[in-house]
Amino acid sequence: MLLAEDNEDMCSYILDEFMSQYRILAASDGNTAFEKAISEIPDIIISDIMMPGMDGIEMCRRLKMDEPGTIIS
């Protein structure tokens, strides 16, 4: 699971809820989350909408356009 969340309290809460069931990658901004999504290819992504760098909507749009292995940042 990839968690893209810039609020530390919310990130901690979500991590606590899911860490016993999933291996979790965390990112505090959209650009880092995008890079982790491309390199790690998580099964699920939980993303905030308003984040520094790239917002969650733009990140999802870019990921949906990707054919696996074709994005080079």
N, C-alpha and C. Protein backbone atom coordinates (compact mmCIF):
# COMPACT_ATOMS: atom_id res chain seq x y z
N MET A 1 0.84 -1.16 0.00
CA MET A 1 0.00 0.00 0.00
C MET A 1 0.89 1.23 0.00
N LEU A 2 0.51 2.23 -0.78
CA LEU A 2 1.19 3.52 -0.78
C LEU A 2 0.26 4.54 -0.14
N LEU A 3 0.75 5.21 0.88
CA LEU A 3 0.00 6.25 1.55
C LEU A 3 0.63 7.60 1.22
N ALA A 4 -0.12 8.46 0.54
CA ALA A 4 0.35 9.80 0.19
C ALA A 4 -0.44 10.79 1.04
N GLU A 5 0.20 11.29 2.07
CA GLU A 5 -0.47 12.17 3.03
C GLU A 5 0.55 13.13 3.64
N ASP A 6 0.27 14.44 3.59
CA ASP A 6 1.21 15.42 4.13
C ASP A 6 0.92 15.81 5.57
N ASN A 7 -0.23 15.47 6.09
CA ASN A 7 -0.56 15.78 7.48
C ASN A 7 -0.04 14.65 8.38
N GLU A 8 0.89 14.98 9.27
CA GLU A 8 1.54 13.96 10.09
C GLU A 8 0.57 13.20 10.98
N ASP A 9 -0.40 13.89 11.57
CA ASP A 9 -1.38 13.22 12.44
C ASP A 9 -2.23 12.23 11.66
N MET A 10 -2.71 12.64 10.49
CA MET A 10 -3.53 11.76 9.66
C MET A 10 -2.71 10.58 9.16
N CYS A 11 -1.48 10.84 8.77
CA CYS A 11 -0.59 9.78 8.31
C CYS A 11 -0.37 8.74 9.42
N SER A 12 -0.10 9.21 10.63
CA SER A 12 0.10 8.29 11.76
C SER A 12 -1.15 7.46 12.03
N TYR A 13 -2.31 8.10 11.97
CA TYR A 13 -3.57 7.39 12.20
C TYR A 13 -3.77 6.29 11.16
N ILE A 14 -3.59 6.62 9.90
CA ILE A 14 -3.80 5.63 8.84
C ILE A 14 -2.77 4.51 8.94
N LEU A 15 -1.53 4.85 9.21
CA LEU A 15 -0.48 3.83 9.39
C LEU A 15 -0.85 2.88 10.52
N ASP A 16 -1.31 3.42 11.65
CA ASP A 16 -1.69 2.58 12.79
C ASP A 16 -2.83 1.62 12.42
N GLU A 17 -3.77 2.09 11.62
CA GLU A 17 -4.92 1.27 11.24
C GLU A 17 -4.56 0.12 10.29
N PHE A 18 -3.59 0.34 9.40
CA PHE A 18 -3.32 -0.64 8.34
C PHE A 18 -2.00 -1.39 8.46
N MET A 19 -1.11 -0.98 9.36
CA MET A 19 0.23 -1.57 9.38
C MET A 19 0.25 -3.05 9.74
N SER A 20 -0.75 -3.55 10.42
CA SER A 20 -0.75 -4.98 10.75
C SER A 20 -1.20 -5.84 9.57
N GLN A 21 -1.79 -5.22 8.55
CA GLN A 21 -2.32 -5.97 7.42
C GLN A 21 -1.57 -5.75 6.11
N TYR A 22 -0.82 -4.64 6.02
CA TYR A 22 -0.17 -4.28 4.77
C TYR A 22 1.27 -3.85 5.00
N ARG A 23 2.08 -4.00 3.98
CA ARG A 23 3.40 -3.36 3.94
C ARG A 23 3.13 -1.98 3.36
N ILE A 24 3.48 -0.96 4.10
CA ILE A 24 3.08 0.40 3.72
C ILE A 24 4.30 1.24 3.37
N LEU A 25 4.20 1.90 2.22
CA LEU A 25 5.16 2.93 1.81
C LEU A 25 4.46 4.26 2.06
N ALA A 26 5.16 5.23 2.60
CA ALA A 26 4.54 6.53 2.87
C ALA A 26 5.30 7.62 2.14
N ALA A 27 4.54 8.65 1.74
CA ALA A 27 5.13 9.82 1.09
C ALA A 27 4.36 11.05 1.59
N SER A 28 5.10 12.13 1.81
CA SER A 28 4.46 13.33 2.34
C SER A 28 4.19 14.40 1.28
N ASP A 29 4.46 14.09 0.02
CA ASP A 29 4.12 15.01 -1.06
C ASP A 29 3.83 14.21 -2.33
N GLY A 30 3.15 14.87 -3.26
CA GLY A 30 2.71 14.18 -4.47
C GLY A 30 3.84 13.70 -5.37
N ASN A 31 4.91 14.46 -5.48
CA ASN A 31 6.02 14.05 -6.34
C ASN A 31 6.68 12.78 -5.83
N THR A 32 6.93 12.73 -4.52
CA THR A 32 7.53 11.53 -3.93
C THR A 32 6.59 10.34 -4.05
N ALA A 33 5.31 10.56 -3.81
CA ALA A 33 4.33 9.48 -3.94
C ALA A 33 4.30 8.94 -5.37
N PHE A 34 4.35 9.84 -6.35
CA PHE A 34 4.35 9.42 -7.75
C PHE A 34 5.57 8.56 -8.05
N GLU A 35 6.74 9.00 -7.61
CA GLU A 35 7.97 8.24 -7.84
C GLU A 35 7.90 6.86 -7.18
N LYS A 36 7.38 6.79 -5.96
CA LYS A 36 7.26 5.51 -5.27
C LYS A 36 6.24 4.61 -5.98
N ALA A 37 5.16 5.20 -6.48
CA ALA A 37 4.16 4.41 -7.19
C ALA A 37 4.73 3.79 -8.45
N ILE A 38 5.57 4.54 -9.16
CA ILE A 38 6.19 4.04 -10.38
C ILE A 38 7.22 2.96 -10.08
N SER A 39 8.01 3.17 -9.04
CA SER A 39 9.10 2.23 -8.77
C SER A 39 8.64 0.99 -8.00
N GLU A 40 7.66 1.13 -7.13
CA GLU A 40 7.23 0.01 -6.29
C GLU A 40 5.97 -0.70 -6.78
N ILE A 41 5.15 -0.03 -7.59
CA ILE A 41 3.88 -0.53 -8.11
C ILE A 41 3.03 -1.16 -6.98
N PRO A 42 2.50 -0.31 -6.09
CA PRO A 42 1.69 -0.82 -4.98
C PRO A 42 0.36 -1.37 -5.46
N ASP A 43 -0.23 -2.26 -4.67
CA ASP A 43 -1.54 -2.82 -5.00
C ASP A 43 -2.65 -1.79 -4.79
N ILE A 44 -2.45 -0.88 -3.85
CA ILE A 44 -3.46 0.15 -3.56
C ILE A 44 -2.76 1.42 -3.14
N ILE A 45 -3.38 2.56 -3.48
CA ILE A 45 -2.86 3.86 -3.10
C ILE A 45 -3.95 4.61 -2.36
N ILE A 46 -3.61 5.13 -1.19
CA ILE A 46 -4.50 6.04 -0.47
C ILE A 46 -3.82 7.41 -0.54
N SER A 47 -4.53 8.38 -1.12
CA SER A 47 -3.90 9.67 -1.36
C SER A 47 -4.76 10.82 -0.86
N ASP A 48 -4.08 11.78 -0.25
CA ASP A 48 -4.67 13.07 0.06
C ASP A 48 -4.87 13.79 -1.27
N ILE A 49 -5.77 14.76 -1.30
CA ILE A 49 -5.96 15.51 -2.53
C ILE A 49 -5.03 16.72 -2.57
N MET A 50 -4.99 17.49 -1.49
CA MET A 50 -4.16 18.69 -1.45
C MET A 50 -2.83 18.37 -0.77
N MET A 51 -1.78 18.29 -1.59
CA MET A 51 -0.44 18.01 -1.08
C MET A 51 0.54 18.94 -1.77
N PRO A 52 1.70 19.16 -1.15
CA PRO A 52 2.72 19.97 -1.82
C PRO A 52 3.27 19.25 -3.05
N GLY A 53 3.81 20.05 -3.96
CA GLY A 53 4.40 19.47 -5.17
C GLY A 53 3.33 19.17 -6.20
N MET A 54 2.86 17.96 -6.20
CA MET A 54 1.82 17.50 -7.11
C MET A 54 0.61 17.10 -6.26
N ASP A 55 -0.57 17.60 -6.60
CA ASP A 55 -1.73 17.21 -5.80
C ASP A 55 -2.18 15.79 -6.14
N GLY A 56 -3.03 15.23 -5.31
CA GLY A 56 -3.45 13.84 -5.47
C GLY A 56 -4.20 13.57 -6.77
N ILE A 57 -4.95 14.56 -7.23
CA ILE A 57 -5.71 14.38 -8.48
C ILE A 57 -4.75 14.29 -9.66
N GLU A 58 -3.76 15.17 -9.70
CA GLU A 58 -2.76 15.13 -10.78
C GLU A 58 -1.95 13.84 -10.73
N MET A 59 -1.59 13.41 -9.52
CA MET A 59 -0.84 12.16 -9.38
C MET A 59 -1.65 10.99 -9.95
N CYS A 60 -2.92 10.91 -9.58
CA CYS A 60 -3.77 9.82 -10.09
C CYS A 60 -3.93 9.90 -11.61
N ARG A 61 -4.10 11.12 -12.13
CA ARG A 61 -4.24 11.30 -13.58
C ARG A 61 -2.99 10.79 -14.30
N ARG A 62 -1.82 11.15 -13.79
CA ARG A 62 -0.58 10.71 -14.42
C ARG A 62 -0.39 9.20 -14.31
N LEU A 63 -0.76 8.63 -13.16
CA LEU A 63 -0.61 7.18 -12.99
C LEU A 63 -1.58 6.42 -13.90
N LYS A 64 -2.77 6.93 -14.09
CA LYS A 64 -3.75 6.27 -14.97
C LYS A 64 -3.31 6.30 -16.43
N MET A 65 -2.56 7.33 -16.81
CA MET A 65 -2.09 7.43 -18.20
C MET A 65 -0.93 6.49 -18.48
N ASP A 66 -0.28 5.99 -17.44
CA ASP A 66 0.93 5.19 -17.59
C ASP A 66 0.63 3.77 -18.04
N GLU A 67 1.37 3.33 -19.01
CA GLU A 67 1.46 1.91 -19.31
C GLU A 67 2.58 1.44 -18.40
N PRO A 68 2.42 0.33 -17.67
CA PRO A 68 3.47 -0.09 -16.73
C PRO A 68 4.86 -0.08 -17.35
N GLY A 69 5.77 0.62 -16.65
CA GLY A 69 7.15 0.66 -17.08
C GLY A 69 7.48 1.69 -18.14
N THR A 70 6.50 2.56 -18.52
CA THR A 70 6.78 3.50 -19.60
C THR A 70 7.09 4.91 -19.13
N ILE A 71 6.73 5.28 -17.91
CA ILE A 71 7.00 6.64 -17.44
C ILE A 71 8.45 6.73 -17.02
N ILE A 72 9.11 7.72 -17.57
CA ILE A 72 10.47 8.04 -17.16
C ILE A 72 10.43 9.49 -16.68
N SER A 73 10.65 9.71 -15.40
CA SER A 73 10.54 11.06 -14.85
C SER A 73 11.85 11.78 -14.95
